[in-house]
Amino acid sequence: LRALTSLLRYAGKKRPCLCLQILLMAMKDMNIAKLTSADVSLFNGIIQDLFPAVETPIIDYGQVKLCQSGLQVTPFTTTKVIQLYETKNSRHSSMLVGKTGSGKSVTWRTLKNALTALHHKGMPEFQLVQEYPLNPKAMSLGELYGENNLSTNEWCDGVLSSLMRSACKPDEKWIVFDGPVDTLWIESMNSVMDDNKVLTLINGERISMPEQVSLLFEVENLAMASPATVSRCGMVYNDYADLGWKPFVQSCLHLSSHKISHRCTKQILRSGKYPSEHCPYCQWHILIPYC
């Protein structure tokens, strides 16, 4: 029911299109982001069977600028940034799932920089984005949500409750949970990730999350998450196999202070091997961890 409600609500934002095109675009935007590359072709086949004569309208999002940060513009990274943007438009809680090095942090930081740049250009539909990253596993439950001081019996706010109290300014705010998901702390977030958007503290106080605040979880896997938690969030899956190792090597070659020869660079990117006979050790040993 949560998925159906989110689908219909998200489809209502795409009214300029025809009815079948609205459903098709909403179904693709909300499901392709969470699938692996092997399952995308199966999903597209199902969509073609359900909508045999309907073509999906192509939306021009422009070119995502990654070169300013020394990053490589790849179709994978650009697609994930767009998928995260569409996912955040449909749900106020989103999860970036993938292994280390799959570009999760780059995805949300690129989207944040793009939205902020559009705001500075004077576009009223985009707001200034402020991020508040935290690691929920680096603190206790009392430090995260708040607790009573046993000595003075006074209530002391935690990191998350303090952030939600101060998030009353009109700027858009992202609370980024960069850490593993487990049942010790994530189950208390179910009421916040629900449509109620209410954080219930152990002292009985209820804090409503403002409209301009959204939650973003950056996790490696969801092995410890319950179905109730997963169904409340939009998913964007970053597969390291789709990203590959070449963007890391290209960025390393671009930012490295070592003078690596053009012949060595070209041979590494083409063959995927380390041509030690053409590159001195001081030049090519720094590339081994990235390949």
C-alpha atoms as a PDB file:
ATOM      1  CA  LEU A   1       0.000   0.000   0.000  1.00  0.00           C
ATOM      2  CA  ARG A   2       2.859   2.406   0.700  1.00  0.00           C
ATOM      3  CA  ALA A   3       4.362   1.713  -2.712  1.00  0.00           C
ATOM      4  CA  LEU A   4       0.998   2.202  -4.415  1.00  0.00           C
ATOM      5  CA  THR A   5       0.378   5.476  -2.568  1.00  0.00           C
ATOM      6  CA  SER A   6       3.816   6.807  -3.452  1.00  0.00           C
ATOM      7  CA  LEU A   7       3.340   5.783  -7.079  1.00  0.00           C
ATOM      8  CA  LEU A   8       0.009   7.592  -7.413  1.00  0.00           C
ATOM      9  CA  ARG A   9       1.287  10.680  -5.598  1.00  0.00           C
ATOM     10  CA  TYR A  10       4.380  10.802  -7.791  1.00  0.00           C
ATOM     11  CA  ALA A  11       2.363  10.234 -10.955  1.00  0.00           C
ATOM     12  CA  GLY A  12       0.199  13.224 -10.060  1.00  0.00           C
ATOM     13  CA  LYS A  13       3.253  15.468 -10.427  1.00  0.00           C
ATOM     14  CA  LYS A  14       3.623  14.489 -14.094  1.00  0.00           C
ATOM     15  CA  ARG A  15       0.219  15.657 -15.283  1.00  0.00           C
ATOM     16  CA  PRO A  16       1.310  17.343 -18.544  1.00  0.00           C
ATOM     17  CA  CYS A  17       1.743  13.879 -20.086  1.00  0.00           C
ATOM     18  CA  LEU A  18      -0.964  11.448 -21.142  1.00  0.00           C
ATOM     19  CA  CYS A  19      -2.488   9.074 -18.579  1.00  0.00           C
ATOM     20  CA  LEU A  20      -0.599   5.952 -19.682  1.00  0.00           C
ATOM     21  CA  GLN A  21       2.613   7.924 -20.057  1.00  0.00           C
ATOM     22  CA  ILE A  22       2.185   9.238 -16.515  1.00  0.00           C
ATOM     23  CA  LEU A  23       1.920   5.728 -15.078  1.00  0.00           C
ATOM     24  CA  LEU A  24       4.772   4.459 -17.228  1.00  0.00           C
ATOM     25  CA  MET A  25       7.117   7.270 -16.209  1.00  0.00           C
ATOM     26  CA  ALA A  26       6.199   6.927 -12.539  1.00  0.00           C
ATOM     27  CA  MET A  27       6.708   3.149 -12.567  1.00  0.00           C
ATOM     28  CA  LYS A  28      10.101   3.443 -14.240  1.00  0.00           C
ATOM     29  CA  ASP A  29      11.352   6.292 -12.065  1.00  0.00           C
ATOM     30  CA  MET A  30      10.377   4.512  -8.852  1.00  0.00           C
ATOM     31  CA  ASN A  31      11.611   1.000  -9.721  1.00  0.00           C
ATOM     32  CA  ILE A  32      14.600   1.133 -12.071  1.00  0.00           C
ATOM     33  CA  ALA A  33      16.749   2.964  -9.509  1.00  0.00           C
ATOM     34  CA  LYS A  34      16.574   0.042  -7.063  1.00  0.00           C
ATOM     35  CA  LEU A  35      17.313  -2.707  -9.617  1.00  0.00           C
ATOM     36  CA  THR A  36      20.631  -4.196 -10.634  1.00  0.00           C
ATOM     37  CA  SER A  37      21.793  -3.899 -14.227  1.00  0.00           C
ATOM     38  CA  ALA A  38      20.820  -7.533 -14.873  1.00  0.00           C
ATOM     39  CA  ASP A  39      17.253  -6.959 -13.661  1.00  0.00           C
ATOM     40  CA  VAL A  40      16.665  -3.743 -15.613  1.00  0.00           C
ATOM     41  CA  SER A  41      16.245  -5.624 -18.884  1.00  0.00           C
ATOM     42  CA  LEU A  42      13.700  -7.950 -17.259  1.00  0.00           C
ATOM     43  CA  PHE A  43      11.771  -4.993 -15.872  1.00  0.00           C
ATOM     44  CA  ASN A  44      11.763  -3.265 -19.263  1.00  0.00           C
ATOM     45  CA  GLY A  45      10.395  -6.440 -20.836  1.00  0.00           C
ATOM     46  CA  ILE A  46       7.528  -6.514 -18.336  1.00  0.00           C
ATOM     47  CA  ILE A  47       6.801  -2.839 -18.992  1.00  0.00           C
ATOM     48  CA  GLN A  48       6.668  -3.445 -22.742  1.00  0.00           C
ATOM     49  CA  ASP A  49       4.155  -6.237 -22.209  1.00  0.00           C
ATOM     50  CA  LEU A  50       1.962  -4.032 -20.016  1.00  0.00           C
ATOM     51  CA  PHE A  51       2.247  -0.943 -22.227  1.00  0.00           C
ATOM     52  CA  PRO A  52       2.946  -2.290 -25.740  1.00  0.00           C
ATOM     53  CA  ALA A  53       2.168   0.875 -27.704  1.00  0.00           C
ATOM     54  CA  VAL A  54       3.238   3.542 -25.220  1.00  0.00           C
ATOM     55  CA  GLU A  55       6.569   5.318 -25.494  1.00  0.00           C
ATOM     56  CA  THR A  56       8.228   6.838 -22.459  1.00  0.00           C
ATOM     57  CA  PRO A  57       8.749  10.607 -22.817  1.00  0.00           C
ATOM     58  CA  ILE A  58      12.378  11.645 -22.542  1.00  0.00           C
ATOM     59  CA  ILE A  59      13.030  14.386 -19.999  1.00  0.00           C
ATOM     60  CA  ASP A  60      16.067  16.591 -20.510  1.00  0.00           C
ATOM     61  CA  TYR A  61      17.764  17.174 -17.165  1.00  0.00           C
ATOM     62  CA  GLY A  62      20.729  18.958 -18.664  1.00  0.00           C
ATOM     63  CA  GLN A  63      24.353  18.022 -18.120  1.00  0.00           C
ATOM     64  CA  VAL A  64      25.492  17.305 -14.581  1.00  0.00           C
ATOM     65  CA  LYS A  65      28.802  19.069 -14.027  1.00  0.00           C
ATOM     66  CA  LEU A  66      31.269  16.776 -12.325  1.00  0.00           C
ATOM     67  CA  CYS A  67      34.508  18.098 -13.729  1.00  0.00           C
ATOM     68  CA  GLN A  68      34.605  21.000 -11.282  1.00  0.00           C
ATOM     69  CA  SER A  69      35.436  18.578  -8.457  1.00  0.00           C
ATOM     70  CA  GLY A  70      37.984  16.640 -10.485  1.00  0.00           C
ATOM     71  CA  LEU A  71      35.526  13.799 -11.097  1.00  0.00           C
ATOM     72  CA  GLN A  72      34.847  11.891 -14.276  1.00  0.00           C
ATOM     73  CA  VAL A  73      31.550  12.355 -16.096  1.00  0.00           C
ATOM     74  CA  THR A  74      30.254   8.833 -16.733  1.00  0.00           C
ATOM     75  CA  PRO A  75      26.771   7.703 -17.809  1.00  0.00           C
ATOM     76  CA  PHE A  76      26.503   5.665 -14.596  1.00  0.00           C
ATOM     77  CA  THR A  77      27.140   8.630 -12.298  1.00  0.00           C
ATOM     78  CA  THR A  78      24.844  10.952 -14.235  1.00  0.00           C
ATOM     79  CA  THR A  79      22.059   8.363 -14.206  1.00  0.00           C
ATOM     80  CA  LYS A  80      22.333   7.796 -10.460  1.00  0.00           C
ATOM     81  CA  VAL A  81      22.199  11.530  -9.735  1.00  0.00           C
ATOM     82  CA  ILE A  82      18.996  11.825 -11.791  1.00  0.00           C
ATOM     83  CA  GLN A  83      17.517   8.733 -10.144  1.00  0.00           C
ATOM     84  CA  LEU A  84      18.216  10.145  -6.691  1.00  0.00           C
ATOM     85  CA  TYR A  85      16.562  13.421  -7.703  1.00  0.00           C
ATOM     86  CA  GLU A  86      13.447  11.611  -8.894  1.00  0.00           C
ATOM     87  CA  THR A  87      13.403   9.404  -5.802  1.00  0.00           C
ATOM     88  CA  LYS A  88      13.603  12.380  -3.453  1.00  0.00           C
ATOM     89  CA  ASN A  89      10.714  13.997  -5.316  1.00  0.00           C
ATOM     90  CA  SER A  90       8.521  10.991  -4.592  1.00  0.00           C
ATOM     91  CA  ARG A  91       9.584  10.241  -0.980  1.00  0.00           C
ATOM     92  CA  HIS A  92      11.017  12.233   1.881  1.00  0.00           C
ATOM     93  CA  SER A  93      13.183   9.261   2.947  1.00  0.00           C
ATOM     94  CA  SER A  94      15.680   7.774   0.504  1.00  0.00           C
ATOM     95  CA  MET A  95      18.387   5.146   0.739  1.00  0.00           C
ATOM     96  CA  LEU A  96      21.582   4.942  -1.286  1.00  0.00           C
ATOM     97  CA  VAL A  97      22.635   1.298  -1.208  1.00  0.00           C
ATOM     98  CA  GLY A  98      25.939  -0.031  -2.501  1.00  0.00           C
ATOM     99  CA  LYS A  99      29.399  -1.178  -1.579  1.00  0.00           C
ATOM    100  CA  THR A 100      32.260   1.112  -0.690  1.00  0.00           C
ATOM    101  CA  GLY A 101      33.607   2.843  -3.775  1.00  0.00           C
ATOM    102  CA  SER A 102      30.372   2.655  -5.759  1.00  0.00           C
ATOM    103  CA  GLY A 103      29.880   6.433  -5.761  1.00  0.00           C
ATOM    104  CA  LYS A 104      27.158   6.865  -3.133  1.00  0.00           C
ATOM    105  CA  SER A 105      28.630   9.999  -1.554  1.00  0.00           C
ATOM    106  CA  VAL A 106      29.441  11.479  -4.951  1.00  0.00           C
ATOM    107  CA  THR A 107      25.822  10.925  -6.028  1.00  0.00           C
ATOM    108  CA  TRP A 108      24.143  12.925  -3.276  1.00  0.00           C
ATOM    109  CA  ARG A 109      26.854  15.580  -3.100  1.00  0.00           C
ATOM    110  CA  THR A 110      26.616  16.185  -6.846  1.00  0.00           C
ATOM    111  CA  LEU A 111      22.839  16.505  -6.608  1.00  0.00           C
ATOM    112  CA  LYS A 112      23.172  18.879  -3.655  1.00  0.00           C
ATOM    113  CA  ASN A 113      25.656  21.076  -5.553  1.00  0.00           C
ATOM    114  CA  ALA A 114      23.446  21.083  -8.654  1.00  0.00           C
ATOM    115  CA  LEU A 115      20.329  22.144  -6.728  1.00  0.00           C
ATOM    116  CA  THR A 116      22.281  24.839  -4.883  1.00  0.00           C
ATOM    117  CA  ALA A 117      23.701  26.162  -8.160  1.00  0.00           C
ATOM    118  CA  LEU A 118      20.215  26.363  -9.673  1.00  0.00           C
ATOM    119  CA  HIS A 119      19.040  28.264  -6.601  1.00  0.00           C
ATOM    120  CA  HIS A 120      21.856  30.793  -6.990  1.00  0.00           C
ATOM    121  CA  LYS A 121      20.800  31.293 -10.612  1.00  0.00           C
ATOM    122  CA  GLY A 122      17.466  32.610  -9.411  1.00  0.00           C
ATOM    123  CA  MET A 123      15.198  29.644 -10.138  1.00  0.00           C
ATOM    124  CA  PRO A 124      12.401  29.795  -7.542  1.00  0.00           C
ATOM    125  CA  GLU A 125      11.530  26.072  -7.692  1.00  0.00           C
ATOM    126  CA  PHE A 126      14.947  25.121  -6.278  1.00  0.00           C
ATOM    127  CA  GLN A 127      16.035  25.807  -2.708  1.00  0.00           C
ATOM    128  CA  LEU A 128      19.425  26.143  -1.073  1.00  0.00           C
ATOM    129  CA  VAL A 129      20.415  22.695   0.218  1.00  0.00           C
ATOM    130  CA  GLN A 130      22.200  22.174   3.526  1.00  0.00           C
ATOM    131  CA  GLU A 131      23.406  18.735   4.527  1.00  0.00           C
ATOM    132  CA  TYR A 132      23.851  17.380   8.050  1.00  0.00           C
ATOM    133  CA  PRO A 133      25.820  14.128   7.882  1.00  0.00           C
ATOM    134  CA  LEU A 134      26.086  11.893  10.919  1.00  0.00           C
ATOM    135  CA  ASN A 135      27.096   8.327  11.703  1.00  0.00           C
ATOM    136  CA  PRO A 136      24.396   6.701  13.870  1.00  0.00           C
ATOM    137  CA  LYS A 137      26.717   3.834  14.832  1.00  0.00           C
ATOM    138  CA  ALA A 138      29.336   6.218  16.238  1.00  0.00           C
ATOM    139  CA  MET A 139      27.075   7.207  19.147  1.00  0.00           C
ATOM    140  CA  SER A 140      24.746   5.611  21.623  1.00  0.00           C
ATOM    141  CA  LEU A 141      20.958   5.718  21.353  1.00  0.00           C
ATOM    142  CA  GLY A 142      20.849   8.401  24.028  1.00  0.00           C
ATOM    143  CA  GLU A 143      23.334  10.548  22.132  1.00  0.00           C
ATOM    144  CA  LEU A 144      21.357  10.061  18.924  1.00  0.00           C
ATOM    145  CA  TYR A 145      17.766  10.568  20.107  1.00  0.00           C
ATOM    146  CA  GLY A 146      18.193  12.093  23.579  1.00  0.00           C
ATOM    147  CA  GLU A 147      17.989  10.831  27.146  1.00  0.00           C
ATOM    148  CA  ASN A 148      17.229  11.833  30.727  1.00  0.00           C
ATOM    149  CA  ASN A 149      20.117  12.803  32.931  1.00  0.00           C
ATOM    150  CA  LEU A 150      19.987  10.345  35.827  1.00  0.00           C
ATOM    151  CA  SER A 151      21.663  12.807  38.195  1.00  0.00           C
ATOM    152  CA  THR A 152      19.459  15.869  37.571  1.00  0.00           C
ATOM    153  CA  ASN A 153      16.477  14.133  35.923  1.00  0.00           C
ATOM    154  CA  GLU A 154      16.646  16.708  33.125  1.00  0.00           C
ATOM    155  CA  TRP A 155      16.059  15.941  29.485  1.00  0.00           C
ATOM    156  CA  CYS A 156      19.050  16.283  27.160  1.00  0.00           C
ATOM    157  CA  ASP A 157      18.441  16.346  23.411  1.00  0.00           C
ATOM    158  CA  GLY A 158      20.383  14.070  21.117  1.00  0.00           C
ATOM    159  CA  VAL A 159      22.000  14.877  17.793  1.00  0.00           C
ATOM    160  CA  LEU A 160      18.977  13.955  15.683  1.00  0.00           C
ATOM    161  CA  SER A 161      16.395  15.624  17.899  1.00  0.00           C
ATOM    162  CA  SER A 162      18.490  18.809  18.001  1.00  0.00           C
ATOM    163  CA  LEU A 163      18.721  18.863  14.212  1.00  0.00           C
ATOM    164  CA  MET A 164      14.985  18.446  13.793  1.00  0.00           C
ATOM    165  CA  ARG A 165      14.246  21.237  16.293  1.00  0.00           C
ATOM    166  CA  SER A 166      16.544  23.673  14.481  1.00  0.00           C
ATOM    167  CA  ALA A 167      15.286  22.821  10.986  1.00  0.00           C
ATOM    168  CA  CYS A 168      12.695  25.585  10.840  1.00  0.00           C
ATOM    169  CA  LYS A 169      14.409  27.811   8.273  1.00  0.00           C
ATOM    170  CA  PRO A 170      13.064  27.753   4.695  1.00  0.00           C
ATOM    171  CA  ASP A 171      16.247  26.269   3.238  1.00  0.00           C
ATOM    172  CA  GLU A 172      16.099  22.638   2.183  1.00  0.00           C
ATOM    173  CA  LYS A 173      17.908  20.340   4.600  1.00  0.00           C
ATOM    174  CA  TRP A 174      19.151  16.792   4.182  1.00  0.00           C
ATOM    175  CA  ILE A 175      19.923  14.712   7.262  1.00  0.00           C
ATOM    176  CA  VAL A 176      22.398  12.125   5.961  1.00  0.00           C
ATOM    177  CA  PHE A 177      22.806   8.901   7.954  1.00  0.00           C
ATOM    178  CA  ASP A 178      26.167   7.579   6.819  1.00  0.00           C
ATOM    179  CA  GLY A 179      26.501   4.259   8.607  1.00  0.00           C
ATOM    180  CA  PRO A 180      25.252   0.688   8.832  1.00  0.00           C
ATOM    181  CA  VAL A 181      21.546   0.071   9.326  1.00  0.00           C
ATOM    182  CA  ASP A 182      20.546  -2.164  12.241  1.00  0.00           C
ATOM    183  CA  THR A 183      17.469  -2.681  14.351  1.00  0.00           C
ATOM    184  CA  LEU A 184      18.947  -0.874  17.371  1.00  0.00           C
ATOM    185  CA  TRP A 185      18.345   2.598  15.956  1.00  0.00           C
ATOM    186  CA  ILE A 186      16.490   2.325  12.636  1.00  0.00           C
ATOM    187  CA  GLU A 187      13.215   1.036  14.102  1.00  0.00           C
ATOM    188  CA  SER A 188      12.758   4.293  16.001  1.00  0.00           C
ATOM    189  CA  MET A 189      12.866   6.099  12.656  1.00  0.00           C
ATOM    190  CA  ASN A 190       9.845   4.306  11.195  1.00  0.00           C
ATOM    191  CA  SER A 191       7.419   6.972  12.404  1.00  0.00           C
ATOM    192  CA  VAL A 192       9.634   9.664  10.847  1.00  0.00           C
ATOM    193  CA  MET A 193       9.919   7.847   7.516  1.00  0.00           C
ATOM    194  CA  ASP A 194       6.154   7.328   7.446  1.00  0.00           C
ATOM    195  CA  ASP A 195       3.739   9.919   6.087  1.00  0.00           C
ATOM    196  CA  ASN A 196       3.255  11.223   9.634  1.00  0.00           C
ATOM    197  CA  LYS A 197       6.848  12.525   9.779  1.00  0.00           C
ATOM    198  CA  VAL A 198       6.875  12.491  13.571  1.00  0.00           C
ATOM    199  CA  LEU A 199       9.831  11.590  15.787  1.00  0.00           C
ATOM    200  CA  THR A 200       8.655  10.167  19.121  1.00  0.00           C
ATOM    201  CA  LEU A 201      11.179  10.492  21.955  1.00  0.00           C
ATOM    202  CA  ILE A 202      11.352   8.342  25.066  1.00  0.00           C
ATOM    203  CA  ASN A 203      10.099  11.226  27.215  1.00  0.00           C
ATOM    204  CA  GLY A 204       6.822  11.228  25.295  1.00  0.00           C
ATOM    205  CA  GLU A 205       7.593  14.325  23.234  1.00  0.00           C
ATOM    206  CA  ARG A 206       6.728  14.302  19.542  1.00  0.00           C
ATOM    207  CA  ILE A 207       8.728  16.359  17.035  1.00  0.00           C
ATOM    208  CA  SER A 208       7.223  16.886  13.591  1.00  0.00           C
ATOM    209  CA  MET A 209       9.642  16.974  10.699  1.00  0.00           C
ATOM    210  CA  PRO A 210       9.156  20.096   8.545  1.00  0.00           C
ATOM    211  CA  GLU A 211       8.386  19.850   4.851  1.00  0.00           C
ATOM    212  CA  GLN A 212      11.811  21.154   3.811  1.00  0.00           C
ATOM    213  CA  VAL A 213      13.657  18.418   5.730  1.00  0.00           C
ATOM    214  CA  SER A 214      14.333  15.010   4.171  1.00  0.00           C
ATOM    215  CA  LEU A 215      16.234  11.907   5.264  1.00  0.00           C
ATOM    216  CA  LEU A 216      19.003  10.251   3.272  1.00  0.00           C
ATOM    217  CA  PHE A 217      20.575   6.943   4.311  1.00  0.00           C
ATOM    218  CA  GLU A 218      23.928   5.895   2.857  1.00  0.00           C
ATOM    219  CA  VAL A 219      24.351   2.191   3.585  1.00  0.00           C
ATOM    220  CA  GLU A 220      26.200  -0.802   2.210  1.00  0.00           C
ATOM    221  CA  ASN A 221      23.329  -3.282   2.536  1.00  0.00           C
ATOM    222  CA  LEU A 222      19.929  -3.741   4.133  1.00  0.00           C
ATOM    223  CA  ALA A 223      20.532  -7.142   5.691  1.00  0.00           C
ATOM    224  CA  MET A 224      19.435  -5.943   9.149  1.00  0.00           C
ATOM    225  CA  ALA A 225      16.546  -3.739   7.991  1.00  0.00           C
ATOM    226  CA  SER A 226      12.982  -4.958   8.437  1.00  0.00           C
ATOM    227  CA  PRO A 227      10.405  -4.918   5.614  1.00  0.00           C
ATOM    228  CA  ALA A 228       8.573  -2.152   7.476  1.00  0.00           C
ATOM    229  CA  THR A 229      11.660   0.051   7.183  1.00  0.00           C
ATOM    230  CA  VAL A 230      12.431  -0.810   3.561  1.00  0.00           C
ATOM    231  CA  SER A 231       8.870  -0.159   2.399  1.00  0.00           C
ATOM    232  CA  ARG A 232       8.975   3.374   3.812  1.00  0.00           C
ATOM    233  CA  CYS A 233      12.003   4.498   1.786  1.00  0.00           C
ATOM    234  CA  GLY A 234      12.863   5.099  -1.815  1.00  0.00           C
ATOM    235  CA  MET A 235      15.837   3.052  -3.002  1.00  0.00           C
ATOM    236  CA  VAL A 236      18.751   3.893  -5.281  1.00  0.00           C
ATOM    237  CA  TYR A 237      21.181   1.016  -5.801  1.00  0.00           C
ATOM    238  CA  ASN A 238      24.757   1.804  -6.858  1.00  0.00           C
ATOM    239  CA  ASP A 239      26.403  -1.249  -8.359  1.00  0.00           C
ATOM    240  CA  TYR A 240      30.193  -1.118  -8.341  1.00  0.00           C
ATOM    241  CA  ALA A 241      30.316  -3.388 -11.379  1.00  0.00           C
ATOM    242  CA  ASP A 242      28.548  -0.705 -13.439  1.00  0.00           C
ATOM    243  CA  LEU A 243      30.949   1.997 -12.276  1.00  0.00           C
ATOM    244  CA  GLY A 244      34.163   0.066 -12.883  1.00  0.00           C
ATOM    245  CA  TRP A 245      37.701   1.061 -12.039  1.00  0.00           C
ATOM    246  CA  LYS A 246      38.529   3.400 -14.915  1.00  0.00           C
ATOM    247  CA  PRO A 247      36.971   6.559 -13.398  1.00  0.00           C
ATOM    248  CA  PHE A 248      39.172   6.126 -10.313  1.00  0.00           C
ATOM    249  CA  VAL A 249      42.299   5.765 -12.432  1.00  0.00           C
ATOM    250  CA  GLN A 250      41.417   8.725 -14.639  1.00  0.00           C
ATOM    251  CA  SER A 251      40.818  10.952 -11.617  1.00  0.00           C
ATOM    252  CA  CYS A 252      44.018   9.715 -10.020  1.00  0.00           C
ATOM    253  CA  LEU A 253      45.983  10.492 -13.166  1.00  0.00           C
ATOM    254  CA  HIS A 254      44.378  13.907 -13.386  1.00  0.00           C
ATOM    255  CA  LEU A 255      44.970  14.915  -9.765  1.00  0.00           C
ATOM    256  CA  SER A 256      48.268  13.138  -9.125  1.00  0.00           C
ATOM    257  CA  SER A 257      51.377  15.253  -8.872  1.00  0.00           C
ATOM    258  CA  HIS A 258      53.408  12.475 -10.503  1.00  0.00           C
ATOM    259  CA  LYS A 259      54.197  12.923 -14.198  1.00  0.00           C
ATOM    260  CA  ILE A 260      52.821   9.745 -15.667  1.00  0.00           C
ATOM    261  CA  SER A 261      53.547   9.367 -19.330  1.00  0.00           C
ATOM    262  CA  HIS A 262      50.715   9.564 -21.839  1.00  0.00           C
ATOM    263  CA  ARG A 263      51.698   6.192 -23.298  1.00  0.00           C
ATOM    264  CA  CYS A 264      51.452   4.517 -19.892  1.00  0.00           C
ATOM    265  CA  THR A 265      48.078   6.122 -19.181  1.00  0.00           C
ATOM    266  CA  LYS A 266      46.615   5.082 -22.510  1.00  0.00           C
ATOM    267  CA  GLN A 267      47.809   1.494 -22.172  1.00  0.00           C
ATOM    268  CA  ILE A 268      46.435   1.142 -18.614  1.00  0.00           C
ATOM    269  CA  LEU A 269      42.980   2.404 -19.572  1.00  0.00           C
ATOM    270  CA  ARG A 270      42.840   0.276 -22.702  1.00  0.00           C
ATOM    271  CA  SER A 271      44.088  -3.068 -21.378  1.00  0.00           C
ATOM    272  CA  GLY A 272      43.399  -2.850 -17.656  1.00  0.00           C
ATOM    273  CA  LYS A 273      46.931  -4.080 -16.885  1.00  0.00           C
ATOM    274  CA  TYR A 274      49.888  -2.435 -15.237  1.00  0.00           C
ATOM    275  CA  PRO A 275      52.606  -1.939 -17.879  1.00  0.00           C
ATOM    276  CA  SER A 276      55.599  -1.775 -15.564  1.00  0.00           C
ATOM    277  CA  GLU A 277      57.959  -2.122 -18.493  1.00  0.00           C
ATOM    278  CA  HIS A 278      56.798   1.259 -19.814  1.00  0.00           C
ATOM    279  CA  CYS A 279      56.250   3.087 -16.506  1.00  0.00           C
ATOM    280  CA  PRO A 280      58.761   3.573 -13.694  1.00  0.00           C
ATOM    281  CA  TYR A 281      57.733   2.109 -10.358  1.00  0.00           C
ATOM    282  CA  CYS A 282      57.287   5.533  -8.799  1.00  0.00           C
ATOM    283  CA  GLN A 283      54.655   6.298 -11.458  1.00  0.00           C
ATOM    284  CA  TRP A 284      52.506   3.198 -11.698  1.00  0.00           C
ATOM    285  CA  HIS A 285      52.470   1.697  -8.189  1.00  0.00           C
ATOM    286  CA  ILE A 286      49.975   4.338  -7.023  1.00  0.00           C
ATOM    287  CA  LEU A 287      47.423   3.023  -9.543  1.00  0.00           C
ATOM    288  CA  ILE A 288      47.349  -0.567  -8.343  1.00  0.00           C
ATOM    289  CA  PRO A 289      44.795  -0.063  -5.509  1.00  0.00           C
ATOM    290  CA  TYR A 290      42.349   1.562  -7.945  1.00  0.00           C
ATOM    291  CA  CYS A 291      42.349  -1.191 -10.601  1.00  0.00           C
END
